[in-house]
C-alpha atoms as a PDB file:
ATOM      1  CA  MET A   1     -22.045  -1.332  -8.185  1.00  0.00           C
ATOM      2  CA  GLU A   2     -20.842  -0.396 -11.577  1.00  0.00           C
ATOM      3  CA  LEU A   3     -18.003   2.287 -11.530  1.00  0.00           C
ATOM      4  CA  ASN A   4     -17.700   4.941 -14.135  1.00  0.00           C
ATOM      5  CA  ARG A   5     -14.422   6.655 -15.223  1.00  0.00           C
ATOM      6  CA  LEU A   6     -14.608   9.425 -12.620  1.00  0.00           C
ATOM      7  CA  ASP A   7     -15.155   6.955  -9.917  1.00  0.00           C
ATOM      8  CA  TYR A   8     -12.082   5.114 -10.880  1.00  0.00           C
ATOM      9  CA  VAL A   9     -10.061   8.348 -11.361  1.00  0.00           C
ATOM     10  CA  ILE A  10     -10.863   9.326  -7.769  1.00  0.00           C
ATOM     11  CA  LEU A  11      -9.855   5.820  -6.464  1.00  0.00           C
ATOM     12  CA  LYS A  12      -6.536   6.136  -8.379  1.00  0.00           C
ATOM     13  CA  ILE A  13      -5.888   9.629  -6.941  1.00  0.00           C
ATOM     14  CA  LEU A  14      -6.284   8.355  -3.455  1.00  0.00           C
ATOM     15  CA  LYS A  15      -3.965   5.363  -4.128  1.00  0.00           C
ATOM     16  CA  LYS A  16      -1.457   7.626  -5.824  1.00  0.00           C
ATOM     17  CA  GLN A  17      -1.367   9.868  -2.809  1.00  0.00           C
ATOM     18  CA  ASN A  18      -1.172   6.694  -0.414  1.00  0.00           C
ATOM     19  CA  CYS A  19      -4.476   7.485   1.238  1.00  0.00           C
ATOM     20  CA  ILE A  20      -4.870   4.115   2.794  1.00  0.00           C
ATOM     21  CA  SER A  21      -5.517   4.705   6.426  1.00  0.00           C
ATOM     22  CA  TYR A  22      -7.628   6.856   8.745  1.00  0.00           C
ATOM     23  CA  PHE A  23      -4.748   9.303   9.261  1.00  0.00           C
ATOM     24  CA  GLU A  24      -3.570   9.237   5.669  1.00  0.00           C
ATOM     25  CA  SER A  25      -6.357  10.656   3.733  1.00  0.00           C
ATOM     26  CA  MET A  26      -7.439  13.445   1.369  1.00  0.00           C
ATOM     27  CA  THR A  27      -9.968  16.345   1.745  1.00  0.00           C
ATOM     28  CA  LEU A  28     -12.774  16.663  -0.608  1.00  0.00           C
ATOM     29  CA  GLN A  29     -11.172  20.059  -1.666  1.00  0.00           C
ATOM     30  CA  GLU A  30      -7.828  18.253  -2.438  1.00  0.00           C
ATOM     31  CA  ILE A  31      -9.637  15.644  -4.537  1.00  0.00           C
ATOM     32  CA  ILE A  32     -11.605  18.476  -6.402  1.00  0.00           C
ATOM     33  CA  ALA A  33      -8.274  20.242  -7.110  1.00  0.00           C
ATOM     34  CA  VAL A  34      -7.094  17.237  -9.078  1.00  0.00           C
ATOM     35  CA  THR A  35     -10.439  16.193 -10.734  1.00  0.00           C
ATOM     36  CA  GLY A  36     -11.707  19.676 -11.629  1.00  0.00           C
ATOM     37  CA  THR A  37     -15.284  18.653 -10.670  1.00  0.00           C
ATOM     38  CA  SER A  38     -17.868  20.521  -8.538  1.00  0.00           C
ATOM     39  CA  ARG A  39     -18.043  20.145  -4.918  1.00  0.00           C
ATOM     40  CA  PRO A  40     -21.636  18.749  -4.868  1.00  0.00           C
ATOM     41  CA  SER A  41     -20.938  16.319  -7.583  1.00  0.00           C
ATOM     42  CA  THR A  42     -17.593  15.010  -5.953  1.00  0.00           C
ATOM     43  CA  TYR A  43     -19.383  14.743  -2.537  1.00  0.00           C
ATOM     44  CA  ARG A  44     -22.082  12.603  -4.108  1.00  0.00           C
ATOM     45  CA  LYS A  45     -19.419  10.434  -5.739  1.00  0.00           C
ATOM     46  CA  MET A  46     -17.557   9.910  -2.368  1.00  0.00           C
ATOM     47  CA  MET A  47     -20.717   9.061  -0.505  1.00  0.00           C
ATOM     48  CA  LYS A  48     -21.521   6.461  -3.321  1.00  0.00           C
ATOM     49  CA  LEU A  49     -18.009   5.066  -3.069  1.00  0.00           C
ATOM     50  CA  LYS A  50     -18.290   5.008   0.680  1.00  0.00           C
ATOM     51  CA  GLU A  51     -21.675   3.260   0.630  1.00  0.00           C
ATOM     52  CA  HIS A  52     -20.363   0.459  -1.687  1.00  0.00           C
ATOM     53  CA  GLY A  53     -17.143  -0.095   0.591  1.00  0.00           C
ATOM     54  CA  TYR A  54     -14.487   1.421  -1.696  1.00  0.00           C
ATOM     55  CA  VAL A  55     -13.558   4.341   0.574  1.00  0.00           C
ATOM     56  CA  GLU A  56     -14.243   5.608   4.153  1.00  0.00           C
ATOM     57  CA  LYS A  57     -14.022   8.847   5.948  1.00  0.00           C
ATOM     58  CA  GLY A  58     -10.865   9.589   7.744  1.00  0.00           C
ATOM     59  CA  CYS A  59      -9.781  12.024  10.363  1.00  0.00           C
ATOM     60  CA  LYS A  60     -11.003  15.595  10.066  1.00  0.00           C
ATOM     61  CA  SER A  61      -8.555  18.245   8.673  1.00  0.00           C
ATOM     62  CA  THR A  62      -9.627  21.300  10.727  1.00  0.00           C
ATOM     63  CA  ASN A  63     -13.405  21.096   9.835  1.00  0.00           C
ATOM     64  CA  ALA A  64     -13.097  19.224   6.515  1.00  0.00           C
ATOM     65  CA  ALA A  65     -13.950  15.604   6.183  1.00  0.00           C
ATOM     66  CA  THR A  66     -11.165  13.298   4.590  1.00  0.00           C
ATOM     67  CA  PHE A  67     -11.459  10.120   2.660  1.00  0.00           C
ATOM     68  CA  TYR A  68      -9.062   7.123   2.290  1.00  0.00           C
ATOM     69  CA  LEU A  69      -9.274   3.792   0.382  1.00  0.00           C
ATOM     70  CA  LEU A  70     -10.463   0.563   1.927  1.00  0.00           C
ATOM     71  CA  ASN A  71      -9.084  -2.775   0.827  1.00  0.00           C
ATOM     72  CA  LYS A  72     -11.834  -3.117  -1.788  1.00  0.00           C
ATOM     73  CA  GLY A  73     -10.837   0.111  -3.346  1.00  0.00           C
ATOM     74  CA  ILE A  74      -7.080  -0.721  -3.169  1.00  0.00           C
ATOM     75  CA  GLU A  75      -7.549  -4.079  -4.824  1.00  0.00           C
ATOM     76  CA  LEU A  76      -9.600  -2.456  -7.648  1.00  0.00           C
ATOM     77  CA  VAL A  77      -6.970  -0.079  -8.453  1.00  0.00           C
ATOM     78  CA  GLU A  78      -4.186  -2.577  -8.210  1.00  0.00           C
ATOM     79  CA  ASN A  79      -6.177  -4.988 -10.576  1.00  0.00           C
ATOM     80  CA  GLY A  80      -6.437  -2.232 -13.123  1.00  0.00           C
ATOM     81  CA  GLY A  81     -10.086  -1.608 -12.730  1.00  0.00           C
ATOM     82  CA  LYS A  82     -11.268  -5.213 -12.819  1.00  0.00           C
ATOM     83  CA  GLN A  83     -13.967  -5.917 -10.263  1.00  0.00           C
ATOM     84  CA  ASN A  84     -14.072  -9.229  -8.530  1.00  0.00           C
ATOM     85  CA  ASP A  85     -17.785  -9.067  -7.548  1.00  0.00           C
END
């Protein structure tokens, strides 16, 4: 999967907020507040990142889904955006 700039920005936001486990995660609304993107667009991005193994859904916050980085996403951010695959 080839990431674009917004994909990478979202991964960096999750890393900066230490969203790296099921209980340490951000809601879609929290991500939108930082990126300034629309809800449908951001949701599609998150589903694409999830499908390709960069993020996973975390525990619910009230009724909102949350997201956190998986190892693949953490490694990508820590490597400065260089993909190993």
